[in-house]
Amino acid sequence: MSLLSLGACGGDDGGNTTGSSTSGATETGPTTGTTTAPSTGSTDAPTTSTSTGADPTTTSTTSSTTSTTDDVGTTTGTSDDSTSTTGEPLRDYSSDRTKFFGDARCDGADVLLCDSFEAGAIDLGKWQVTGTVTIDSTHAARGDSAAHIHTEGNGFSYLREVVTFPAPNNTYYGRMFVWIDAVPIAPDWAHWTLVGAVGSGEPGEIRVGGQYNPFAGKNLFGVGSDGGPTGDWTNLDDDPRGDASAVIVQDWVCLEWLHDGANNETKFWWDATEHPSLATTAGSHGGNQDADYIMPQFESMWVGWWLYQGGPNPDHYDVWIDEVAVDSTRLGCIL
């Protein structure tokens, strides 16, 4: 049962907007999906942003996956979901976390984009910087350093990339390791985003992030959109069904996502395990049920932190991201 949040959540306007570390969003409380959670929630204070240059576009092709599903509906990772006979790279999709960490691996990765943040400074050939993003060695999933995202209040800071766009077949897979120092515990239904993708042809932003669910007493990962015919909504994690884990803080997690513009589908993996409750299709989503959820022609993607509600607790946020990768086939957490 995926809880979802519907409302007027403001966010990025789809272009390259540079942030003053405050976001201009007003987001109302949630309504429910298949559950009976109430439609009460909070209204956020608006925030402002400034702008950067324009973004180009990308496309990419999907890979077929082989996986197993446990008795509660969570799809677990397997060692490979592509073979040499398909023309796709052989990759290890194991969910064994002992294989996730260690030395930086981007130099040996044959992918469209990969950044280990080992150079000591943001690579401006790959990224457009908004807000406060630095490189430090406080936390690192691999190698010695990671990108450090800092915001105050309901602020935003992120790295946007346009170099892999347009993507082949208007489809791409993303992967990053994320260390979240703290998540909001107030106001109720505080909503935040880690990944946003935008493009042309269809309005709105395709999001990966999370939300504080006061009924569950925890933050849950979520996916959704802001703008467009389906409106502003977030589906919250429900894998395993009725017992979804809280978002992990102060430790590394591996997040993967698929944005498939060719088939208007999205998928989400946590530590190489797919969460079917966070999959969407044109007709199966958490927004306006009179409209199809159609992907744009993707032109850019950002990774970072954006919290929409004003007056949050805590009042500042620090997030580290490492080994960010984009490709036309699924990446997994070991590559």
Protein backbone atom coordinates (compact mmCIF):
# COMPACT_ATOMS: atom_id res chain seq x y z
CA MET A 1 0.00 0.00 0.00
CA SER A 2 1.77 3.07 -1.19
CA LEU A 3 0.94 6.20 0.69
CA LEU A 4 1.05 9.23 -1.50
CA SER A 5 1.18 12.94 -1.07
CA LEU A 6 -0.86 15.19 -3.29
CA GLY A 7 -0.59 18.93 -3.18
CA ALA A 8 0.88 22.05 -4.62
CA CYS A 9 4.51 21.20 -4.04
CA GLY A 10 6.68 23.81 -5.64
CA GLY A 11 10.02 22.89 -7.04
CA ASP A 12 12.49 23.39 -9.81
CA ASP A 13 10.97 24.99 -12.85
CA GLY A 14 12.64 22.43 -15.04
CA GLY A 15 15.47 24.65 -16.15
CA ASN A 16 18.86 25.22 -14.61
CA THR A 17 17.95 27.19 -11.52
CA THR A 18 20.60 28.17 -9.08
CA GLY A 19 19.49 28.24 -5.50
CA SER A 20 19.78 30.76 -2.79
CA SER A 21 19.47 27.69 -0.53
CA THR A 22 15.81 28.38 -0.04
CA SER A 23 13.13 26.71 -2.08
CA GLY A 24 9.87 28.21 -3.32
CA ALA A 25 7.50 25.43 -2.50
CA THR A 26 4.10 25.16 -0.91
CA GLU A 27 3.09 21.57 -0.39
CA THR A 28 -0.14 20.47 1.20
CA GLY A 29 -0.65 17.35 3.24
CA PRO A 30 -1.08 13.93 1.70
CA THR A 31 -4.00 12.00 0.50
CA THR A 32 -3.87 8.25 0.43
CA GLY A 33 -3.52 5.64 -2.24
CA THR A 34 -4.88 2.20 -1.43
CA THR A 35 -4.74 2.91 2.29
CA THR A 36 -6.97 4.94 4.53
CA ALA A 37 -4.37 7.40 5.75
CA PRO A 38 -5.95 10.81 6.23
CA SER A 39 -5.49 13.73 3.90
CA THR A 40 -4.21 16.11 6.53
CA GLY A 41 -0.76 17.58 6.31
CA SER A 42 1.30 20.72 6.43
CA THR A 43 1.64 23.83 4.34
CA ASP A 44 5.15 24.96 3.64
CA ALA A 45 6.65 28.38 3.54
CA PRO A 46 7.87 29.48 0.14
CA THR A 47 11.50 29.82 -0.86
CA THR A 48 13.38 31.54 -3.65
CA SER A 49 15.87 30.60 -6.31
CA THR A 50 18.11 32.22 -8.89
CA SER A 51 18.96 30.86 -12.31
CA THR A 52 21.86 29.26 -14.21
CA GLY A 53 22.25 28.44 -17.92
CA ALA A 54 20.13 26.20 -20.09
CA ASP A 55 20.28 22.42 -20.20
CA PRO A 56 20.57 20.14 -23.26
CA THR A 57 18.78 16.59 -23.59
CA THR A 58 19.69 12.64 -23.36
CA THR A 59 18.25 9.20 -24.16
CA SER A 60 19.22 5.61 -23.39
CA THR A 61 18.05 2.03 -23.78
CA THR A 62 16.64 -0.30 -21.16
CA SER A 63 18.09 -3.63 -20.14
CA SER A 64 16.17 -6.76 -19.35
CA THR A 65 16.44 -7.83 -15.74
CA THR A 66 16.42 -11.21 -14.08
CA SER A 67 15.46 -11.17 -10.44
CA THR A 68 13.71 -13.07 -7.71
CA THR A 69 10.75 -11.89 -5.68
CA ASP A 70 10.39 -12.72 -2.02
CA ASP A 71 7.12 -13.54 -0.31
CA VAL A 72 6.43 -9.93 0.59
CA GLY A 73 6.80 -8.55 -2.92
CA THR A 74 10.32 -7.12 -2.76
CA THR A 75 12.45 -8.00 -5.75
CA THR A 76 15.96 -8.96 -4.70
CA GLY A 77 19.11 -8.43 -6.71
CA THR A 78 20.78 -11.15 -8.75
CA SER A 79 24.33 -11.48 -9.96
CA ASP A 80 23.59 -10.57 -13.57
CA ASP A 81 20.63 -9.32 -15.57
CA SER A 82 22.33 -8.98 -18.93
CA THR A 83 24.46 -11.40 -20.91
CA SER A 84 26.98 -11.10 -23.71
CA THR A 85 24.38 -12.45 -26.17
CA THR A 86 22.28 -9.31 -25.65
CA GLY A 87 25.13 -6.97 -26.48
CA GLU A 88 24.82 -5.42 -23.02
CA PRO A 89 27.64 -5.40 -20.46
CA LEU A 90 27.86 -8.19 -17.91
CA ARG A 91 27.37 -6.63 -14.49
CA ASP A 92 27.04 -7.93 -10.97
CA TYR A 93 23.67 -6.97 -9.48
CA SER A 94 24.22 -8.70 -6.16
CA SER A 95 22.76 -7.07 -3.04
CA ASP A 96 25.80 -8.15 -0.97
CA ARG A 97 26.84 -4.88 0.71
CA THR A 98 30.33 -6.22 1.43
CA LYS A 99 30.99 -5.80 -2.30
CA PHE A 100 29.71 -2.22 -2.53
CA PHE A 101 32.55 -0.30 -0.93
CA GLY A 102 36.31 0.11 -1.19
CA ASP A 103 38.39 1.82 -3.85
CA ALA A 104 36.93 4.30 -6.32
CA ARG A 105 35.70 2.47 -9.43
CA CYS A 106 34.67 5.13 -11.94
CA ASP A 107 37.95 5.00 -13.84
CA GLY A 108 37.27 1.40 -14.83
CA ALA A 109 33.57 1.81 -15.51
CA ASP A 110 32.45 1.74 -19.14
CA VAL A 111 29.40 3.97 -18.67
CA LEU A 112 28.01 7.24 -19.99
CA LEU A 113 28.98 9.17 -16.84
CA CYS A 114 30.64 8.27 -13.55
CA ASP A 115 32.16 10.52 -10.89
CA SER A 116 34.00 9.36 -7.77
CA PHE A 117 34.73 12.96 -6.67
CA GLU A 118 38.37 12.09 -6.05
CA ALA A 119 39.84 15.13 -7.84
CA GLY A 120 39.32 17.48 -4.90
CA ALA A 121 37.04 19.85 -6.80
CA ILE A 122 33.75 19.59 -8.69
CA ASP A 123 34.32 18.64 -12.33
CA LEU A 124 32.59 21.52 -14.12
CA GLY A 125 32.84 19.59 -17.36
CA LYS A 126 30.29 17.18 -15.90
CA TRP A 127 28.27 19.24 -13.44
CA GLN A 128 26.49 22.56 -13.06
CA VAL A 129 26.57 23.58 -9.39
CA THR A 130 23.61 25.07 -7.53
CA GLY A 131 23.85 26.08 -3.88
CA THR A 132 26.56 24.77 -1.53
CA VAL A 133 28.34 21.71 -2.91
CA THR A 134 31.93 20.91 -1.98
CA ILE A 135 34.27 17.92 -2.01
CA ASP A 136 35.53 16.57 1.32
CA SER A 137 36.68 13.41 3.04
CA THR A 138 34.22 13.45 5.95
CA HIS A 139 32.41 10.47 4.45
CA ALA A 140 33.26 8.43 1.34
CA ALA A 141 31.54 5.33 0.03
CA ARG A 142 34.53 4.54 -2.17
CA GLY A 143 37.96 6.08 -2.38
CA ASP A 144 38.81 9.00 -0.14
CA SER A 145 36.21 11.70 -0.81
CA ALA A 146 32.64 12.47 -1.81
CA ALA A 147 30.49 15.43 -2.82
CA HIS A 148 29.09 17.21 0.24
CA ILE A 149 25.67 18.87 -0.13
CA HIS A 150 24.72 21.47 2.52
CA THR A 151 21.44 23.36 2.93
CA GLU A 152 19.79 25.55 5.53
CA GLY A 153 16.08 25.30 6.32
CA ASN A 154 13.96 24.36 3.34
CA GLY A 155 16.86 24.93 0.99
CA PHE A 156 18.32 23.20 -2.03
CA SER A 157 21.79 22.42 -3.31
CA TYR A 158 22.59 20.06 -6.13
CA LEU A 159 24.71 19.01 -9.10
CA ARG A 160 22.96 19.00 -12.48
CA GLU A 161 24.30 17.09 -15.47
CA VAL A 162 23.40 17.48 -19.13
CA VAL A 163 26.29 15.64 -20.78
CA THR A 164 24.49 12.27 -21.10
CA PHE A 165 21.42 13.85 -22.66
CA PRO A 166 19.63 13.34 -24.96
CA ALA A 167 19.69 9.71 -23.86
CA PRO A 168 19.37 6.80 -26.30
CA ASN A 169 15.70 5.86 -26.60
CA ASN A 170 14.91 8.61 -24.07
CA THR A 171 15.79 6.16 -21.29
CA TYR A 172 18.51 6.18 -18.66
CA TYR A 173 19.55 4.41 -15.47
CA GLY A 174 21.10 6.26 -12.54
CA ARG A 175 23.03 5.08 -9.49
CA MET A 176 24.59 6.84 -6.53
CA PHE A 177 25.70 6.17 -2.99
CA VAL A 178 24.08 8.51 -0.47
CA TRP A 179 24.91 9.38 3.15
CA ILE A 180 22.13 11.45 4.77
CA ASP A 181 23.17 12.97 8.08
CA ALA A 182 19.57 13.63 9.20
CA VAL A 183 16.05 13.62 7.76
CA PRO A 184 13.22 15.97 8.75
CA ILE A 185 10.95 14.97 11.61
CA ALA A 186 8.82 18.12 11.33
CA PRO A 187 6.62 19.41 9.89
CA ASP A 188 4.37 16.44 9.18
CA TRP A 189 4.74 15.19 5.60
CA ALA A 190 8.00 17.11 5.11
CA HIS A 191 8.99 16.20 1.55
CA TRP A 192 12.49 16.12 0.08
CA THR A 193 14.10 15.16 -3.21
CA LEU A 194 17.47 13.56 -3.98
CA VAL A 195 17.12 13.21 -7.78
CA GLY A 196 15.17 15.30 -10.27
CA ALA A 197 14.95 14.92 -14.05
CA VAL A 198 13.32 17.31 -16.49
CA GLY A 199 13.00 17.79 -20.22
CA SER A 200 10.84 19.01 -23.05
CA GLY A 201 7.46 17.94 -24.42
CA GLU A 202 5.90 17.20 -21.02
CA PRO A 203 5.92 19.61 -18.06
CA GLY A 204 6.96 18.65 -14.58
CA GLU A 205 9.90 17.07 -12.81
CA ILE A 206 10.41 13.30 -12.35
CA ARG A 207 11.62 12.78 -8.78
CA VAL A 208 13.31 10.33 -6.43
CA GLY A 209 13.34 11.29 -2.77
CA GLY A 210 11.35 10.74 0.39
CA GLN A 211 8.90 12.10 2.93
CA TYR A 212 8.23 12.10 6.66
CA ASN A 213 5.10 10.05 7.34
CA PRO A 214 3.79 11.02 10.80
CA PHE A 215 1.46 8.02 10.99
CA ALA A 216 4.38 5.65 10.49
CA GLY A 217 6.66 7.88 12.55
CA LYS A 218 9.45 7.67 9.99
CA ASN A 219 10.78 8.96 6.70
CA LEU A 220 10.19 6.68 3.72
CA PHE A 221 11.75 6.73 0.29
CA GLY A 222 9.37 7.87 -2.42
CA VAL A 223 9.01 8.68 -6.10
CA GLY A 224 6.72 11.06 -7.91
CA SER A 225 6.36 14.21 -9.90
CA ASP A 226 5.68 17.91 -9.61
CA GLY A 227 3.73 19.60 -12.39
CA GLY A 228 2.19 18.15 -15.49
CA PRO A 229 -1.22 16.56 -15.98
CA THR A 230 -0.83 14.11 -13.07
CA GLY A 231 -0.18 16.97 -10.63
CA ASP A 232 2.06 16.98 -7.57
CA TRP A 233 2.32 13.61 -5.85
CA THR A 234 4.67 11.18 -4.11
CA ASN A 235 4.27 7.42 -3.77
CA LEU A 236 5.89 6.20 -0.55
CA ASP A 237 7.76 2.94 -0.12
CA ASP A 238 5.65 -0.07 0.90
CA ASP A 239 8.16 -2.91 0.51
CA PRO A 240 7.86 -5.24 2.24
CA ARG A 241 4.14 -4.62 2.25
CA GLY A 242 3.00 -2.91 5.43
CA ASP A 243 6.52 -2.95 6.91
CA ALA A 244 8.70 -0.65 4.82
CA SER A 245 12.03 0.30 6.35
CA ALA A 246 12.75 3.85 7.37
CA VAL A 247 15.24 5.85 5.35
CA ILE A 248 18.71 5.04 6.68
CA VAL A 249 20.65 7.95 8.16
CA GLN A 250 24.34 8.23 8.99
CA ASP A 251 25.28 5.30 6.80
CA TRP A 252 25.77 4.72 3.09
CA VAL A 253 22.94 3.40 0.95
CA CYS A 254 23.04 2.59 -2.75
CA LEU A 255 20.14 4.01 -4.73
CA GLU A 256 19.32 3.17 -8.35
CA TRP A 257 16.56 4.46 -10.59
CA LEU A 258 15.22 3.95 -14.09
CA HIS A 259 13.53 6.71 -16.05
CA ASP A 260 12.19 5.02 -19.19
CA GLY A 261 10.77 7.63 -21.52
CA ALA A 262 10.19 5.11 -24.30
CA ASN A 263 7.69 3.13 -22.24
CA ASN A 264 6.73 5.80 -19.66
CA GLU A 265 7.95 3.70 -16.75
CA THR A 266 10.09 4.32 -13.66
CA LYS A 267 11.71 1.91 -11.21
CA PHE A 268 13.63 2.17 -7.94
CA TRP A 269 16.23 -0.03 -6.23
CA TRP A 270 17.65 0.27 -2.71
CA ASP A 271 20.92 -1.58 -2.13
CA ALA A 272 20.36 -3.50 -5.39
CA THR A 273 16.88 -4.65 -4.32
CA GLU A 274 13.97 -3.46 -6.44
CA HIS A 275 10.99 -1.96 -4.61
CA PRO A 276 7.91 -2.69 -6.77
CA SER A 277 5.75 -0.31 -4.74
CA LEU A 278 7.85 2.52 -6.17
CA ALA A 279 7.49 1.45 -9.81
CA THR A 280 5.24 3.59 -12.01
CA THR A 281 3.73 3.33 -15.47
CA ALA A 282 1.66 5.69 -17.58
CA GLY A 283 -1.53 4.33 -16.03
CA SER A 284 -0.27 3.30 -12.59
CA HIS A 285 0.95 6.25 -10.53
CA GLY A 286 -0.01 8.33 -7.50
CA GLY A 287 -1.37 11.44 -9.19
CA ASN A 288 -4.50 12.53 -11.02
CA GLN A 289 -6.02 9.26 -12.19
CA ASP A 290 -7.69 10.95 -15.15
CA ALA A 291 -4.26 11.61 -16.68
CA ASP A 292 -1.42 9.38 -17.87
CA TYR A 293 2.03 9.77 -16.32
CA ILE A 294 4.10 10.60 -19.38
CA MET A 295 7.86 11.12 -19.27
CA PRO A 296 9.39 14.20 -20.91
CA GLN A 297 12.14 14.07 -23.51
CA PHE A 298 14.83 14.08 -20.84
CA GLU A 299 17.33 16.95 -21.06
CA SER A 300 18.97 17.03 -17.63
CA MET A 301 19.18 15.27 -14.28
CA TRP A 302 20.29 16.56 -10.88
CA VAL A 303 21.44 14.89 -7.67
CA GLY A 304 21.50 16.61 -4.29
CA TRP A 305 19.00 17.73 -1.64
CA TRP A 306 15.85 19.83 -1.88
CA LEU A 307 13.42 20.16 1.05
CA TYR A 308 10.16 21.93 0.29
CA GLN A 309 8.56 22.74 3.66
CA GLY A 310 9.54 25.76 5.73
CA GLY A 311 10.54 25.64 9.40
CA PRO A 312 11.86 22.07 9.36
CA ASN A 313 13.40 20.16 12.25
CA PRO A 314 16.37 19.93 12.07
CA ASP A 315 16.99 23.33 10.55
CA HIS A 316 19.93 22.34 8.31
CA TYR A 317 20.88 19.28 6.25
CA ASP A 318 24.10 17.63 5.14
CA VAL A 319 24.16 14.91 2.51
CA TRP A 320 27.15 13.20 0.89
CA ILE A 321 26.92 11.54 -2.53
CA ASP A 322 29.53 9.33 -4.15
CA GLU A 323 30.14 7.24 -7.27
CA VAL A 324 27.30 8.83 -9.21
CA ALA A 325 26.82 6.97 -12.49
CA VAL A 326 24.49 7.17 -15.50
CA ASP A 327 24.19 4.61 -18.28
CA SER A 328 21.83 3.10 -20.81
CA THR A 329 21.66 -0.21 -18.90
CA ARG A 330 21.24 -0.91 -15.22
CA LEU A 331 24.38 -0.23 -13.18
CA GLY A 332 23.95 -2.11 -9.90
CA CYS A 333 25.86 -1.30 -6.71
CA ILE A 334 29.11 -3.15 -7.41
CA LEU A 335 30.27 -1.58 -10.68
